[in-house]
């Protein structure tokens, strides 16, 4: 049994050794020339102007949730499209209901102003 897993063990040891070795070499051989520009806080190309713990607008979270919803919709549409012949009319109706619920949610968010950035 050991002979079956021995190549995997050797591979893991070599990979771990290479990873640790490269990180150590970068830390030892890398240039260390700190200056005020490198050590300063960097935020989107300009100096930070507020506390990092400031409150975010709820619209950021709404847009994130909207993205997740439509991302999951695509994740469900691909397998459905591949298996459409096998699932038949029942699958078509189920997906139509699913898409109708998503469209209703999208219209609701649009009417609530979640997509307005002003």
PDB file of N, CA and C in Angstrom:
ATOM      1  N   UNK A   1       0.830  -1.196   0.000  1.00  0.00           N
ATOM      2  CA  UNK A   1       0.000   0.000   0.000  1.00  0.00           C
ATOM      3  C   UNK A   1       0.871   1.255   0.000  1.00  0.00           C
ATOM      4  N   UNK A   2       1.995   1.213   0.697  1.00  0.00           N
ATOM      5  CA  UNK A   2       2.891   2.360   0.734  1.00  0.00           C
ATOM      6  C   UNK A   2       3.475   2.650  -0.644  1.00  0.00           C
ATOM      7  N   UNK A   3       3.679   1.621  -1.427  1.00  0.00           N
ATOM      8  CA  UNK A   3       4.256   1.829  -2.753  1.00  0.00           C
ATOM      9  C   UNK A   3       3.293   2.573  -3.675  1.00  0.00           C
ATOM     10  N   UNK A   4       1.992   2.469  -3.427  1.00  0.00           N
ATOM     11  CA  UNK A   4       1.021   3.183  -4.253  1.00  0.00           C
ATOM     12  C   UNK A   4       1.003   4.677  -3.948  1.00  0.00           C
ATOM     13  N   UNK A   5       1.182   5.035  -2.690  1.00  0.00           N
ATOM     14  CA  UNK A   5       1.108   6.432  -2.279  1.00  0.00           C
ATOM     15  C   UNK A   5       2.466   7.109  -2.174  1.00  0.00           C
ATOM     16  N   UNK A   6       3.539   6.365  -2.327  1.00  0.00           N
ATOM     17  CA  UNK A   6       4.878   6.926  -2.205  1.00  0.00           C
ATOM     18  C   UNK A   6       5.156   8.023  -3.245  1.00  0.00           C
ATOM     19  N   UNK A   7       4.789   7.856  -4.516  1.00  0.00           N
ATOM     20  CA  UNK A   7       5.015   8.955  -5.480  1.00  0.00           C
ATOM     21  C   UNK A   7       4.248  10.229  -5.108  1.00  0.00           C
ATOM     22  N   UNK A   8       3.047  10.069  -4.557  1.00  0.00           N
ATOM     23  CA  UNK A   8       2.281  11.248  -4.150  1.00  0.00           C
ATOM     24  C   UNK A   8       2.974  11.948  -2.988  1.00  0.00           C
ATOM     25  N   UNK A   9       3.483  11.180  -2.040  1.00  0.00           N
ATOM     26  CA  UNK A   9       4.205  11.744  -0.904  1.00  0.00           C
ATOM     27  C   UNK A   9       5.451  12.488  -1.369  1.00  0.00           C
ATOM     28  N   UNK A  10       6.183  11.898  -2.300  1.00  0.00           N
ATOM     29  CA  UNK A  10       7.383  12.556  -2.841  1.00  0.00           C
ATOM     30  C   UNK A  10       6.999  13.853  -3.544  1.00  0.00           C
ATOM     31  N   UNK A  11       5.928  13.820  -4.334  1.00  0.00           N
ATOM     32  CA  UNK A  11       5.462  15.015  -5.038  1.00  0.00           C
ATOM     33  C   UNK A  11       5.093  16.113  -4.047  1.00  0.00           C
ATOM     34  N   UNK A  12       4.358  15.785  -2.979  1.00  0.00           N
ATOM     35  CA  UNK A  12       3.967  16.774  -1.987  1.00  0.00           C
ATOM     36  C   UNK A  12       5.174  17.354  -1.262  1.00  0.00           C
ATOM     37  N   UNK A  13       6.147  16.517  -0.942  1.00  0.00           N
ATOM     38  CA  UNK A  13       7.353  17.011  -0.284  1.00  0.00           C
ATOM     39  C   UNK A  13       8.146  17.953  -1.182  1.00  0.00           C
ATOM     40  N   UNK A  14       8.294  17.598  -2.456  1.00  0.00           N
ATOM     41  CA  UNK A  14       9.018  18.457  -3.391  1.00  0.00           C
ATOM     42  C   UNK A  14       8.269  19.776  -3.590  1.00  0.00           C
ATOM     43  N   UNK A  15       6.943  19.712  -3.742  1.00  0.00           N
ATOM     44  CA  UNK A  15       6.159  20.928  -3.948  1.00  0.00           C
ATOM     45  C   UNK A  15       6.225  21.836  -2.723  1.00  0.00           C
ATOM     46  N   UNK A  16       6.125  21.255  -1.540  1.00  0.00           N
ATOM     47  CA  UNK A  16       6.221  22.056  -0.313  1.00  0.00           C
ATOM     48  C   UNK A  16       7.614  22.655  -0.176  1.00  0.00           C
ATOM     49  N   UNK A  17       8.630  21.868  -0.450  1.00  0.00           N
ATOM     50  CA  UNK A  17      10.007  22.372  -0.379  1.00  0.00           C
ATOM     51  C   UNK A  17      10.255  23.503  -1.357  1.00  0.00           C
ATOM     52  N   UNK A  18       9.745  23.356  -2.576  1.00  0.00           N
ATOM     53  CA  UNK A  18       9.929  24.417  -3.571  1.00  0.00           C
ATOM     54  C   UNK A  18       9.199  25.693  -3.160  1.00  0.00           C
ATOM     55  N   UNK A  19       7.980  25.549  -2.650  1.00  0.00           N
ATOM     56  CA  UNK A  19       7.227  26.720  -2.225  1.00  0.00           C
ATOM     57  C   UNK A  19       7.906  27.457  -1.088  1.00  0.00           C
ATOM     58  N   UNK A  20       8.317  26.715  -0.069  1.00  0.00           N
ATOM     59  CA  UNK A  20       9.009  27.329   1.071  1.00  0.00           C
ATOM     60  C   UNK A  20      10.350  27.909   0.625  1.00  0.00           C
ATOM     61  N   UNK A  21      11.067  27.192  -0.228  1.00  0.00           N
ATOM     62  CA  UNK A  21      12.355  27.674  -0.715  1.00  0.00           C
ATOM     63  C   UNK A  21      12.236  28.967  -1.508  1.00  0.00           C
ATOM     64  N   UNK A  22      11.247  29.067  -2.372  1.00  0.00           N
ATOM     65  CA  UNK A  22      11.085  30.285  -3.167  1.00  0.00           C
ATOM     66  C   UNK A  22      10.681  31.469  -2.293  1.00  0.00           C
ATOM     67  N   UNK A  23       9.822  31.225  -1.312  1.00  0.00           N
ATOM     68  CA  UNK A  23       9.440  32.314  -0.414  1.00  0.00           C
ATOM     69  C   UNK A  23      10.637  32.768   0.421  1.00  0.00           C
ATOM     70  N   UNK A  24      11.437  31.829   0.891  1.00  0.00           N
ATOM     71  CA  UNK A  24      12.624  32.182   1.668  1.00  0.00           C
ATOM     72  C   UNK A  24      13.635  32.927   0.799  1.00  0.00           C
ATOM     73  N   UNK A  25      13.835  32.480  -0.436  1.00  0.00           N
ATOM     74  CA  UNK A  25      14.775  33.150  -1.333  1.00  0.00           C
ATOM     75  C   UNK A  25      14.314  34.574  -1.632  1.00  0.00           C
ATOM     76  N   UNK A  26      13.013  34.763  -1.828  1.00  0.00           N
ATOM     77  CA  UNK A  26      12.510  36.112  -2.059  1.00  0.00           C
ATOM     78  C   UNK A  26      12.684  37.005  -0.847  1.00  0.00           C
ATOM     79  N   UNK A  27      12.479  36.447   0.332  1.00  0.00           N
ATOM     80  CA  UNK A  27      12.661  37.240   1.542  1.00  0.00           C
ATOM     81  C   UNK A  27      14.112  37.578   1.816  1.00  0.00           C
ATOM     82  N   UNK A  28      15.018  36.661   1.475  1.00  0.00           N
ATOM     83  CA  UNK A  28      16.443  36.883   1.741  1.00  0.00           C
ATOM     84  C   UNK A  28      17.077  37.748   0.650  1.00  0.00           C
ATOM     85  N   UNK A  29      16.813  37.438  -0.601  1.00  0.00           N
ATOM     86  CA  UNK A  29      17.475  38.113  -1.711  1.00  0.00           C
ATOM     87  C   UNK A  29      16.758  39.367  -2.193  1.00  0.00           C
ATOM     88  N   UNK A  30      15.515  39.566  -1.797  1.00  0.00           N
ATOM     89  CA  UNK A  30      14.745  40.713  -2.274  1.00  0.00           C
ATOM     90  C   UNK A  30      15.278  42.027  -1.738  1.00  0.00           C
ATOM     91  N   UNK A  31      15.154  43.089  -2.548  1.00  0.00           N
ATOM     92  CA  UNK A  31      15.657  44.394  -2.097  1.00  0.00           C
ATOM     93  C   UNK A  31      14.769  44.954  -0.978  1.00  0.00           C
ATOM     94  N   UNK A  32      15.427  45.615  -0.031  1.00  0.00           N
ATOM     95  CA  UNK A  32      14.697  46.263   1.061  1.00  0.00           C
ATOM     96  C   UNK A  32      15.084  47.733   1.062  1.00  0.00           C
ATOM     97  N   UNK A  33      14.270  48.532   0.381  1.00  0.00           N
ATOM     98  CA  UNK A  33      14.504  49.967   0.337  1.00  0.00           C
ATOM     99  C   UNK A  33      13.205  50.694   0.697  1.00  0.00           C
ATOM    100  N   UNK A  34      12.800  50.632   1.959  1.00  0.00           N
ATOM    101  CA  UNK A  34      11.546  51.297   2.325  1.00  0.00           C
ATOM    102  C   UNK A  34      11.704  52.819   2.295  1.00  0.00           C
ATOM    103  N   UNK A  35      10.646  53.474   1.854  1.00  0.00           N
ATOM    104  CA  UNK A  35      10.603  54.931   1.927  1.00  0.00           C
ATOM    105  C   UNK A  35       9.190  55.338   2.320  1.00  0.00           C
ATOM    106  N   UNK A  36       8.960  56.608   2.460  1.00  0.00           N
ATOM    107  CA  UNK A  36       7.663  57.070   2.953  1.00  0.00           C
ATOM    108  C   UNK A  36       6.537  56.740   1.976  1.00  0.00           C
ATOM    109  N   UNK A  37       6.804  56.756   0.685  1.00  0.00           N
ATOM    110  CA  UNK A  37       5.762  56.452  -0.296  1.00  0.00           C
ATOM    111  C   UNK A  37       5.363  54.986  -0.239  1.00  0.00           C
ATOM    112  N   UNK A  38       6.346  54.101  -0.055  1.00  0.00           N
ATOM    113  CA  UNK A  38       6.034  52.680   0.009  1.00  0.00           C
ATOM    114  C   UNK A  38       5.332  52.294   1.301  1.00  0.00           C
ATOM    115  N   UNK A  39       5.625  52.982   2.381  1.00  0.00           N
ATOM    116  CA  UNK A  39       5.053  52.636   3.676  1.00  0.00           C
ATOM    117  C   UNK A  39       3.736  53.349   3.956  1.00  0.00           C
ATOM    118  N   UNK A  40       3.309  54.248   3.068  1.00  0.00           N
ATOM    119  CA  UNK A  40       2.066  54.989   3.307  1.00  0.00           C
ATOM    120  C   UNK A  40       0.852  54.138   2.932  1.00  0.00           C
ATOM    121  N   UNK A  41      -0.287  54.539   3.458  1.00  0.00           N
ATOM    122  CA  UNK A  41      -1.540  53.852   3.152  1.00  0.00           C
ATOM    123  C   UNK A  41      -1.952  54.179   1.725  1.00  0.00           C
ATOM    124  N   UNK A  42      -2.334  53.171   0.988  1.00  0.00           N
ATOM    125  CA  UNK A  42      -2.708  53.346  -0.414  1.00  0.00           C
ATOM    126  C   UNK A  42      -4.141  52.898  -0.612  1.00  0.00           C
ATOM    127  N   UNK A  43      -4.944  53.797  -1.154  1.00  0.00           N
ATOM    128  CA  UNK A  43      -6.350  53.456  -1.377  1.00  0.00           C
ATOM    129  C   UNK A  43      -6.788  54.062  -2.701  1.00  0.00           C
ATOM    130  N   UNK A  44      -6.869  53.256  -3.715  1.00  0.00           N
ATOM    131  CA  UNK A  44      -7.388  53.656  -5.024  1.00  0.00           C
ATOM    132  C   UNK A  44      -6.607  54.813  -5.645  1.00  0.00           C
ATOM    133  N   UNK A  45      -5.324  54.918  -5.381  1.00  0.00           N
ATOM    134  CA  UNK A  45      -4.527  55.934  -6.021  1.00  0.00           C
ATOM    135  C   UNK A  45      -4.489  57.269  -5.308  1.00  0.00           C
ATOM    136  N   UNK A  46      -5.162  57.413  -4.192  1.00  0.00           N
ATOM    137  CA  UNK A  46      -5.108  58.674  -3.453  1.00  0.00           C
ATOM    138  C   UNK A  46      -5.067  58.385  -1.956  1.00  0.00           C
ATOM    139  N   UNK A  47      -4.722  59.389  -1.202  1.00  0.00           N
ATOM    140  CA  UNK A  47      -4.609  59.221   0.240  1.00  0.00           C
ATOM    141  C   UNK A  47      -5.961  58.873   0.847  1.00  0.00           C
ATOM    142  N   UNK A  48      -5.935  58.032   1.856  1.00  0.00           N
ATOM    143  CA  UNK A  48      -7.182  57.690   2.527  1.00  0.00           C
ATOM    144  C   UNK A  48      -7.707  58.923   3.247  1.00  0.00           C
ATOM    145  N   UNK A  49      -9.005  59.102   3.223  1.00  0.00           N
ATOM    146  CA  UNK A  49      -9.592  60.324   3.758  1.00  0.00           C
ATOM    147  C   UNK A  49     -10.548  60.068   4.915  1.00  0.00           C
ATOM    148  N   UNK A  50     -10.774  58.827   5.251  1.00  0.00           N
ATOM    149  CA  UNK A  50     -11.719  58.537   6.311  1.00  0.00           C
ATOM    150  C   UNK A  50     -11.293  57.265   7.027  1.00  0.00           C
ATOM    151  N   UNK A  51     -11.995  56.949   8.087  1.00  0.00           N
ATOM    152  CA  UNK A  51     -11.712  55.749   8.859  1.00  0.00           C
ATOM    153  C   UNK A  51     -12.057  54.516   8.030  1.00  0.00           C
ATOM    154  N   UNK A  52     -11.297  53.462   8.188  1.00  0.00           N
ATOM    155  CA  UNK A  52     -11.545  52.225   7.453  1.00  0.00           C
ATOM    156  C   UNK A  52     -12.833  51.555   7.905  1.00  0.00           C
ATOM    157  N   UNK A  53     -13.326  51.919   9.066  1.00  0.00           N
ATOM    158  CA  UNK A  53     -14.549  51.312   9.600  1.00  0.00           C
ATOM    159  C   UNK A  53     -15.786  52.159   9.342  1.00  0.00           C
ATOM    160  N   UNK A  54     -15.741  53.002   8.312  1.00  0.00           N
ATOM    161  CA  UNK A  54     -16.893  53.840   8.005  1.00  0.00           C
ATOM    162  C   UNK A  54     -18.036  52.989   7.453  1.00  0.00           C
ATOM    163  N   UNK A  55     -19.229  53.492   7.580  1.00  0.00           N
ATOM    164  CA  UNK A  55     -20.405  52.750   7.120  1.00  0.00           C
ATOM    165  C   UNK A  55     -20.537  52.874   5.612  1.00  0.00           C
ATOM    166  N   UNK A  56     -20.895  51.759   4.991  1.00  0.00           N
ATOM    167  CA  UNK A  56     -21.132  51.746   3.549  1.00  0.00           C
ATOM    168  C   UNK A  56     -22.602  51.979   3.278  1.00  0.00           C
ATOM    169  N   UNK A  57     -22.867  52.524   2.122  1.00  0.00           N
ATOM    170  CA  UNK A  57     -24.247  52.708   1.706  1.00  0.00           C
ATOM    171  C   UNK A  57     -24.872  51.345   1.419  1.00  0.00           C
ATOM    172  N   UNK A  58     -26.127  51.203   1.695  1.00  0.00           N
ATOM    173  CA  UNK A  58     -26.826  49.936   1.508  1.00  0.00           C
ATOM    174  C   UNK A  58     -26.852  49.546   0.031  1.00  0.00           C
ATOM    175  N   UNK A  59     -26.753  50.504  -0.855  1.00  0.00           N
ATOM    176  CA  UNK A  59     -26.809  50.197  -2.293  1.00  0.00           C
ATOM    177  C   UNK A  59     -25.664  49.285  -2.727  1.00  0.00           C
ATOM    178  N   UNK A  60     -24.519  49.389  -2.070  1.00  0.00           N
ATOM    179  CA  UNK A  60     -23.416  48.494  -2.407  1.00  0.00           C
ATOM    180  C   UNK A  60     -23.813  47.041  -2.150  1.00  0.00           C
ATOM    181  N   UNK A  61     -24.470  46.811  -1.035  1.00  0.00           N
ATOM    182  CA  UNK A  61     -24.890  45.452  -0.699  1.00  0.00           C
ATOM    183  C   UNK A  61     -26.008  44.980  -1.628  1.00  0.00           C
ATOM    184  N   UNK A  62     -26.906  45.887  -2.000  1.00  0.00           N
ATOM    185  CA  UNK A  62     -27.985  45.502  -2.912  1.00  0.00           C
ATOM    186  C   UNK A  62     -27.439  45.109  -4.283  1.00  0.00           C
ATOM    187  N   UNK A  63     -26.465  45.856  -4.761  1.00  0.00           N
ATOM    188  CA  UNK A  63     -25.868  45.518  -6.052  1.00  0.00           C
ATOM    189  C   UNK A  63     -25.106  44.200  -5.950  1.00  0.00           C
ATOM    190  N   UNK A  64     -24.435  43.959  -4.826  1.00  0.00           N
ATOM    191  CA  UNK A  64     -23.725  42.692  -4.642  1.00  0.00           C
ATOM    192  C   UNK A  64     -24.704  41.525  -4.627  1.00  0.00           C
ATOM    193  N   UNK A  65     -25.818  41.685  -3.935  1.00  0.00           N
ATOM    194  CA  UNK A  65     -26.832  40.633  -3.898  1.00  0.00           C
ATOM    195  C   UNK A  65     -27.421  40.420  -5.290  1.00  0.00           C
ATOM    196  N   UNK A  66     -27.653  41.514  -6.009  1.00  0.00           N
ATOM    197  CA  UNK A  66     -28.179  41.408  -7.365  1.00  0.00           C
ATOM    198  C   UNK A  66     -27.205  40.661  -8.267  1.00  0.00           C
ATOM    199  N   UNK A  67     -25.913  40.939  -8.127  1.00  0.00           N
ATOM    200  CA  UNK A  67     -24.912  40.221  -8.915  1.00  0.00           C
ATOM    201  C   UNK A  67     -24.934  38.736  -8.589  1.00  0.00           C
ATOM    202  N   UNK A  68     -24.989  38.404  -7.303  1.00  0.00           N
ATOM    203  CA  UNK A  68     -24.999  36.994  -6.900  1.00  0.00           C
ATOM    204  C   UNK A  68     -26.228  36.285  -7.458  1.00  0.00           C
ATOM    205  N   UNK A  69     -27.360  36.948  -7.408  1.00  0.00           N
ATOM    206  CA  UNK A  69     -28.589  36.335  -7.921  1.00  0.00           C
ATOM    207  C   UNK A  69     -28.452  36.016  -9.407  1.00  0.00           C
ATOM    208  N   UNK A  70     -27.980  36.973 -10.189  1.00  0.00           N
ATOM    209  CA  UNK A  70     -27.892  36.723 -11.624  1.00  0.00           C
ATOM    210  C   UNK A  70     -26.723  35.815 -11.974  1.00  0.00           C
ATOM    211  N   UNK A  71     -25.707  35.784 -11.149  1.00  0.00           N
ATOM    212  CA  UNK A  71     -24.628  34.829 -11.349  1.00  0.00           C
ATOM    213  C   UNK A  71     -25.136  33.410 -11.113  1.00  0.00           C
ATOM    214  N   UNK A  72     -25.927  33.224 -10.070  1.00  0.00           N
ATOM    215  CA  UNK A  72     -26.514  31.902  -9.813  1.00  0.00           C
ATOM    216  C   UNK A  72     -27.509  31.514 -10.896  1.00  0.00           C
ATOM    217  N   UNK A  73     -28.190  32.493 -11.447  1.00  0.00           N
ATOM    218  CA  UNK A  73     -29.119  32.186 -12.536  1.00  0.00           C
ATOM    219  C   UNK A  73     -28.369  31.562 -13.710  1.00  0.00           C
ATOM    220  N   UNK A  74     -27.236  32.130 -14.060  1.00  0.00           N
ATOM    221  CA  UNK A  74     -26.445  31.575 -15.157  1.00  0.00           C
ATOM    222  C   UNK A  74     -25.937  30.187 -14.792  1.00  0.00           C
ATOM    223  N   UNK A  75     -25.570  29.993 -13.532  1.00  0.00           N
ATOM    224  CA  UNK A  75     -25.091  28.671 -13.101  1.00  0.00           C
ATOM    225  C   UNK A  75     -26.184  27.618 -13.221  1.00  0.00           C
ATOM    226  N   UNK A  76     -27.447  28.010 -13.069  1.00  0.00           N
ATOM    227  CA  UNK A  76     -28.546  27.069 -13.238  1.00  0.00           C
ATOM    228  C   UNK A  76     -28.961  26.916 -14.700  1.00  0.00           C
ATOM    229  N   UNK A  77     -28.726  27.931 -15.506  1.00  0.00           N
ATOM    230  CA  UNK A  77     -29.158  27.866 -16.905  1.00  0.00           C
ATOM    231  C   UNK A  77     -28.287  26.939 -17.755  1.00  0.00           C
ATOM    232  N   UNK A  78     -26.996  26.872 -17.494  1.00  0.00           N
ATOM    233  CA  UNK A  78     -26.127  26.024 -18.307  1.00  0.00           C
ATOM    234  C   UNK A  78     -26.496  24.547 -18.217  1.00  0.00           C
ATOM    235  N   UNK A  79     -26.593  23.965 -17.018  1.00  0.00           N
ATOM    236  CA  UNK A  79     -26.975  22.542 -16.981  1.00  0.00           C
ATOM    237  C   UNK A  79     -28.378  22.301 -17.510  1.00  0.00           C
ATOM    238  N   UNK A  80     -29.266  23.255 -17.288  1.00  0.00           N
ATOM    239  CA  UNK A  80     -30.638  23.118 -17.782  1.00  0.00           C
ATOM    240  C   UNK A  80     -30.637  23.071 -19.311  1.00  0.00           C
ATOM    241  N   UNK A  81     -29.839  23.940 -19.944  1.00  0.00           N
ATOM    242  CA  UNK A  81     -29.798  23.968 -21.410  1.00  0.00           C
ATOM    243  C   UNK A  81     -29.196  22.678 -21.970  1.00  0.00           C
ATOM    244  N   UNK A  82     -28.236  22.109 -21.264  1.00  0.00           N
ATOM    245  CA  UNK A  82     -27.614  20.869 -21.736  1.00  0.00           C
ATOM    246  C   UNK A  82     -28.587  19.702 -21.622  1.00  0.00           C
ATOM    247  N   UNK A  83     -29.371  19.671 -20.548  1.00  0.00           N
ATOM    248  CA  UNK A  83     -30.259  18.539 -20.290  1.00  0.00           C
ATOM    249  C   UNK A  83     -31.699  18.810 -20.715  1.00  0.00           C
ATOM    250  N   UNK A  84     -31.932  19.807 -21.554  1.00  0.00           N
ATOM    251  CA  UNK A  84     -33.306  20.164 -21.914  1.00  0.00           C
ATOM    252  C   UNK A  84     -34.037  19.031 -22.630  1.00  0.00           C
ATOM    253  N   UNK A  85     -33.349  18.291 -23.484  1.00  0.00           N
ATOM    254  CA  UNK A  85     -34.003  17.177 -24.174  1.00  0.00           C
ATOM    255  C   UNK A  85     -34.439  16.088 -23.197  1.00  0.00           C
ATOM    256  N   UNK A  86     -33.653  15.853 -22.170  1.00  0.00           N
ATOM    257  CA  UNK A  86     -33.954  14.777 -21.226  1.00  0.00           C
ATOM    258  C   UNK A  86     -35.074  15.157 -20.254  1.00  0.00           C
ATOM    259  N   UNK A  87     -35.153  16.426 -19.862  1.00  0.00           N
ATOM    260  CA  UNK A  87     -36.156  16.801 -18.857  1.00  0.00           C
ATOM    261  C   UNK A  87     -37.486  17.208 -19.459  1.00  0.00           C
ATOM    262  N   UNK A  88     -37.518  17.549 -20.720  1.00  0.00           N
ATOM    263  CA  UNK A  88     -38.762  17.784 -21.432  1.00  0.00           C
ATOM    264  C   UNK A  88     -39.525  19.025 -21.002  1.00  0.00           C
ATOM    265  N   UNK A  89     -40.840  18.925 -21.144  1.00  0.00           N
ATOM    266  CA  UNK A  89     -41.717  20.065 -20.890  1.00  0.00           C
ATOM    267  C   UNK A  89     -41.741  20.445 -19.410  1.00  0.00           C
ATOM    268  N   UNK A  90     -41.607  19.472 -18.523  1.00  0.00           N
ATOM    269  CA  UNK A  90     -41.604  19.768 -17.088  1.00  0.00           C
ATOM    270  C   UNK A  90     -40.430  20.667 -16.732  1.00  0.00           C
ATOM    271  N   UNK A  91     -39.263  20.385 -17.272  1.00  0.00           N
ATOM    272  CA  UNK A  91     -38.088  21.217 -17.027  1.00  0.00           C
ATOM    273  C   UNK A  91     -38.234  22.598 -17.621  1.00  0.00           C
ATOM    274  N   UNK A  92     -38.878  22.685 -18.795  1.00  0.00           N
ATOM    275  CA  UNK A  92     -39.098  23.975 -19.426  1.00  0.00           C
ATOM    276  C   UNK A  92     -40.019  24.847 -18.569  1.00  0.00           C
ATOM    277  N   UNK A  93     -41.078  24.269 -18.047  1.00  0.00           N
ATOM    278  CA  UNK A  93     -42.008  25.017 -17.195  1.00  0.00           C
ATOM    279  C   UNK A  93     -41.334  25.418 -15.883  1.00  0.00           C
ATOM    280  N   UNK A  94     -40.570  24.509 -15.297  1.00  0.00           N
ATOM    281  CA  UNK A  94     -39.868  24.827 -14.044  1.00  0.00           C
ATOM    282  C   UNK A  94     -38.891  25.974 -14.250  1.00  0.00           C
ATOM    283  N   UNK A  95     -38.163  25.971 -15.356  1.00  0.00           N
ATOM    284  CA  UNK A  95     -37.221  27.065 -15.611  1.00  0.00           C
ATOM    285  C   UNK A  95     -37.955  28.351 -15.928  1.00  0.00           C
ATOM    286  N   UNK A  96     -39.091  28.266 -16.585  1.00  0.00           N
ATOM    287  CA  UNK A  96     -39.875  29.478 -16.846  1.00  0.00           C
ATOM    288  C   UNK A  96     -40.347  30.097 -15.534  1.00  0.00           C
ATOM    289  N   UNK A  97     -40.773  29.275 -14.589  1.00  0.00           N
ATOM    290  CA  UNK A  97     -41.184  29.788 -13.273  1.00  0.00           C
ATOM    291  C   UNK A  97     -39.990  30.410 -12.557  1.00  0.00           C
ATOM    292  N   UNK A  98     -38.843  29.740 -12.599  1.00  0.00           N
ATOM    293  CA  UNK A  98     -37.628  30.247 -11.964  1.00  0.00           C
ATOM    294  C   UNK A  98     -37.237  31.598 -12.550  1.00  0.00           C
ATOM    295  N   UNK A  99     -37.241  31.706 -13.875  1.00  0.00           N
ATOM    296  CA  UNK A  99     -36.882  32.966 -14.510  1.00  0.00           C
ATOM    297  C   UNK A  99     -37.922  34.052 -14.242  1.00  0.00           C
ATOM    298  N   UNK A 100     -39.190  33.683 -14.148  1.00  0.00           N
ATOM    299  CA  UNK A 100     -40.226  34.665 -13.824  1.00  0.00           C
ATOM    300  C   UNK A 100     -40.009  35.233 -12.421  1.00  0.00           C
ATOM    301  N   UNK A 101     -39.654  34.394 -11.468  1.00  0.00           N
ATOM    302  CA  UNK A 101     -39.378  34.871 -10.106  1.00  0.00           C
ATOM    303  C   UNK A 101     -38.182  35.812 -10.113  1.00  0.00           C
ATOM    304  N   UNK A 102     -37.145  35.483 -10.872  1.00  0.00           N
ATOM    305  CA  UNK A 102     -35.979  36.362 -10.950  1.00  0.00           C
ATOM    306  C   UNK A 102     -36.316  37.690 -11.618  1.00  0.00           C
ATOM    307  N   UNK A 103     -37.128  37.656 -12.644  1.00  0.00           N
ATOM    308  CA  UNK A 103     -37.519  38.899 -13.317  1.00  0.00           C
ATOM    309  C   UNK A 103     -38.357  39.765 -12.384  1.00  0.00           C
ATOM    310  N   UNK A 104     -39.235  39.157 -11.605  1.00  0.00           N
ATOM    311  CA  UNK A 104     -40.035  39.916 -10.645  1.00  0.00           C
ATOM    312  C   UNK A 104     -39.120  40.564  -9.605  1.00  0.00           C
ATOM    313  N   UNK A 105     -38.120  39.826  -9.128  1.00  0.00           N
ATOM    314  CA  UNK A 105     -37.167  40.398  -8.184  1.00  0.00           C
ATOM    315  C   UNK A 105     -36.354  41.524  -8.794  1.00  0.00           C
ATOM    316  N   UNK A 106     -35.963  41.381 -10.050  1.00  0.00           N
ATOM    317  CA  UNK A 106     -35.218  42.432 -10.732  1.00  0.00           C
ATOM    318  C   UNK A 106     -36.066  43.683 -10.885  1.00  0.00           C
ATOM    319  N   UNK A 107     -37.312  43.521 -11.268  1.00  0.00           N
ATOM    320  CA  UNK A 107     -38.213  44.665 -11.406  1.00  0.00           C
ATOM    321  C   UNK A 107     -38.439  45.340 -10.056  1.00  0.00           C
ATOM    322  N   UNK A 108     -38.559  44.545  -9.003  1.00  0.00           N
ATOM    323  CA  UNK A 108     -38.727  45.100  -7.657  1.00  0.00           C
ATOM    324  C   UNK A 108     -37.521  45.945  -7.263  1.00  0.00           C
ATOM    325  N   UNK A 109     -36.298  45.427  -7.504  1.00  0.00           N
ATOM    326  CA  UNK A 109     -35.104  46.191  -7.167  1.00  0.00           C
ATOM    327  C   UNK A 109     -34.979  47.443  -8.023  1.00  0.00           C
ATOM    328  N   UNK A 110     -35.374  47.351  -9.264  1.00  0.00           N
ATOM    329  CA  UNK A 110     -35.321  48.510 -10.141  1.00  0.00           C
ATOM    330  C   UNK A 110     -36.276  49.595  -9.635  1.00  0.00           C
ATOM    331  N   UNK A 111     -37.483  49.191  -9.250  1.00  0.00           N
ATOM    332  CA  UNK A 111     -38.466  50.155  -8.751  1.00  0.00           C
ATOM    333  C   UNK A 111     -38.058  50.753  -7.408  1.00  0.00           C
ATOM    334  N   UNK A 112     -37.334  49.997  -6.583  1.00  0.00           N
ATOM    335  CA  UNK A 112     -36.873  50.510  -5.296  1.00  0.00           C
ATOM    336  C   UNK A 112     -35.686  51.450  -5.447  1.00  0.00           C
ATOM    337  N   UNK A 113     -35.101  51.518  -6.630  1.00  0.00           N
ATOM    338  CA  UNK A 113     -33.985  52.414  -6.871  1.00  0.00           C
ATOM    339  C   UNK A 113     -32.640  51.839  -6.495  1.00  0.00           C
ATOM    340  N   UNK A 114     -32.531  50.526  -6.421  1.00  0.00           N
ATOM    341  CA  UNK A 114     -31.266  49.912  -6.046  1.00  0.00           C
ATOM    342  C   UNK A 114     -30.208  50.088  -7.129  1.00  0.00           C
ATOM    343  N   UNK A 115     -30.609  50.346  -8.337  1.00  0.00           N
ATOM    344  CA  UNK A 115     -29.658  50.494  -9.444  1.00  0.00           C
ATOM    345  C   UNK A 115     -29.325  51.945  -9.736  1.00  0.00           C
ATOM    346  N   UNK A 116     -29.855  52.874  -8.965  1.00  0.00           N
ATOM    347  CA  UNK A 116     -29.572  54.297  -9.137  1.00  0.00           C
ATOM    348  C   UNK A 116     -28.310  54.638  -8.355  1.00  0.00           C
ATOM    349  N   UNK A 117     -27.396  55.365  -8.963  1.00  0.00           N
ATOM    350  CA  UNK A 117     -26.129  55.702  -8.295  1.00  0.00           C
ATOM    351  C   UNK A 117     -25.972  57.176  -8.046  1.00  0.00           C
ATOM    352  N   UNK A 118     -27.028  57.894  -7.873  1.00  0.00           N
ATOM    353  CA  UNK A 118     -26.921  59.347  -7.672  1.00  0.00           C
ATOM    354  C   UNK A 118     -27.248  59.744  -6.281  1.00  0.00           C
TER     355      UNK A 118
END
